[in-house]
Amino acid sequence: MTITIEVVDKNAVNLLLELEKLKIIRLLPVGSLARKGDSVQKKEFKAIQIDTKGFKFDREEANER
């Protein structure tokens, strides 16, 4: 849902910025609103798999670093 809001109070702006940090809302610059039919660019995530069978964590060695 897209809503245009005119903010007239600095405290309200700070509140909106805090809500954005909590990922409750997303603030977009003027003119950046996506039109219907625009495609969203997907990001590719590549993961690796490491075999940790037989690995023993040495806390003393880690603390030395």
C-alpha atoms as a PDB file:
ATOM      1  CA  MET A   1       0.000   0.000   0.000  1.00  0.00           C
ATOM      2  CA  THR A   2       1.367   3.445  -0.869  1.00  0.00           C
ATOM      3  CA  ILE A   3       0.354   6.575   1.037  1.00  0.00           C
ATOM      4  CA  THR A   4       1.658  10.115   0.545  1.00  0.00           C
ATOM      5  CA  ILE A   5       2.116  12.040   3.775  1.00  0.00           C
ATOM      6  CA  GLU A   6       3.176  15.642   4.365  1.00  0.00           C
ATOM      7  CA  VAL A   7       5.035  15.833   7.676  1.00  0.00           C
ATOM      8  CA  VAL A   8       4.977  19.227   9.389  1.00  0.00           C
ATOM      9  CA  ASP A   9       6.585  18.354  12.728  1.00  0.00           C
ATOM     10  CA  LYS A  10      10.240  17.362  13.326  1.00  0.00           C
ATOM     11  CA  ASN A  11       9.191  14.912  16.059  1.00  0.00           C
ATOM     12  CA  ALA A  12       6.939  13.123  13.583  1.00  0.00           C
ATOM     13  CA  VAL A  13       9.866  12.762  11.173  1.00  0.00           C
ATOM     14  CA  ASN A  14      11.987  11.247  13.943  1.00  0.00           C
ATOM     15  CA  LEU A  15       9.177   8.832  14.769  1.00  0.00           C
ATOM     16  CA  LEU A  16       8.920   7.771  11.129  1.00  0.00           C
ATOM     17  CA  LEU A  17      12.687   7.216  10.967  1.00  0.00           C
ATOM     18  CA  GLU A  18      12.514   5.016  14.073  1.00  0.00           C
ATOM     19  CA  LEU A  19       9.681   2.985  12.520  1.00  0.00           C
ATOM     20  CA  GLU A  20      11.821   2.518   9.422  1.00  0.00           C
ATOM     21  CA  LYS A  21      14.710   1.232  11.556  1.00  0.00           C
ATOM     22  CA  LEU A  22      12.325  -1.322  13.081  1.00  0.00           C
ATOM     23  CA  LYS A  23      11.347  -2.357   9.532  1.00  0.00           C
ATOM     24  CA  ILE A  24       7.709  -1.456  10.165  1.00  0.00           C
ATOM     25  CA  ILE A  25       7.592   1.076   7.334  1.00  0.00           C
ATOM     26  CA  ARG A  26       9.801   1.877   4.333  1.00  0.00           C
ATOM     27  CA  LEU A  27      10.517   5.480   3.405  1.00  0.00           C
ATOM     28  CA  LEU A  28      11.149   6.095  -0.291  1.00  0.00           C
ATOM     29  CA  PRO A  29      12.541   9.221  -1.930  1.00  0.00           C
ATOM     30  CA  VAL A  30      10.035  11.281  -3.927  1.00  0.00           C
ATOM     31  CA  GLY A  31       9.690   9.922  -7.460  1.00  0.00           C
ATOM     32  CA  SER A  32      11.026   6.466  -6.631  1.00  0.00           C
ATOM     33  CA  LEU A  33       7.664   4.778  -6.251  1.00  0.00           C
ATOM     34  CA  ALA A  34       7.411   1.693  -8.410  1.00  0.00           C
ATOM     35  CA  ARG A  35       4.674   1.715 -10.997  1.00  0.00           C
ATOM     36  CA  LYS A  36       2.461  -1.283 -11.591  1.00  0.00           C
ATOM     37  CA  GLY A  37       4.182  -3.728 -13.890  1.00  0.00           C
ATOM     38  CA  ASP A  38       7.694  -2.744 -12.821  1.00  0.00           C
ATOM     39  CA  SER A  39       9.749  -5.805 -12.000  1.00  0.00           C
ATOM     40  CA  VAL A  40      11.571  -6.164  -8.724  1.00  0.00           C
ATOM     41  CA  GLN A  41      15.193  -7.128  -9.134  1.00  0.00           C
ATOM     42  CA  LYS A  42      15.879 -10.366  -7.275  1.00  0.00           C
ATOM     43  CA  LYS A  43      19.189 -10.949  -5.521  1.00  0.00           C
ATOM     44  CA  GLU A  44      20.878 -14.287  -5.767  1.00  0.00           C
ATOM     45  CA  PHE A  45      22.197 -15.874  -2.581  1.00  0.00           C
ATOM     46  CA  LYS A  46      24.944 -18.448  -2.874  1.00  0.00           C
ATOM     47  CA  ALA A  47      25.846 -20.529   0.154  1.00  0.00           C
ATOM     48  CA  ILE A  48      28.639 -22.941   0.877  1.00  0.00           C
ATOM     49  CA  GLN A  49      28.567 -26.124   2.879  1.00  0.00           C
ATOM     50  CA  ILE A  50      31.439 -27.069   5.180  1.00  0.00           C
ATOM     51  CA  ASP A  51      31.849 -30.507   6.691  1.00  0.00           C
ATOM     52  CA  THR A  52      32.500 -30.032  10.421  1.00  0.00           C
ATOM     53  CA  LYS A  53      32.427 -33.705  11.292  1.00  0.00           C
ATOM     54  CA  GLY A  54      35.212 -34.414  13.787  1.00  0.00           C
ATOM     55  CA  PHE A  55      35.899 -30.719  14.458  1.00  0.00           C
ATOM     56  CA  LYS A  56      36.507 -29.799  18.088  1.00  0.00           C
ATOM     57  CA  PHE A  57      36.441 -26.147  19.151  1.00  0.00           C
ATOM     58  CA  ASP A  58      39.410 -25.184  21.322  1.00  0.00           C
ATOM     59  CA  ARG A  59      38.336 -22.203  23.440  1.00  0.00           C
ATOM     60  CA  GLU A  60      41.873 -21.564  24.748  1.00  0.00           C
ATOM     61  CA  GLU A  61      43.277 -21.356  21.216  1.00  0.00           C
ATOM     62  CA  ALA A  62      40.465 -18.988  20.168  1.00  0.00           C
ATOM     63  CA  ASN A  63      41.108 -16.716  23.163  1.00  0.00           C
ATOM     64  CA  GLU A  64      44.791 -16.424  22.226  1.00  0.00           C
ATOM     65  CA  ARG A  65      43.938 -14.680  18.957  1.00  0.00           C
END
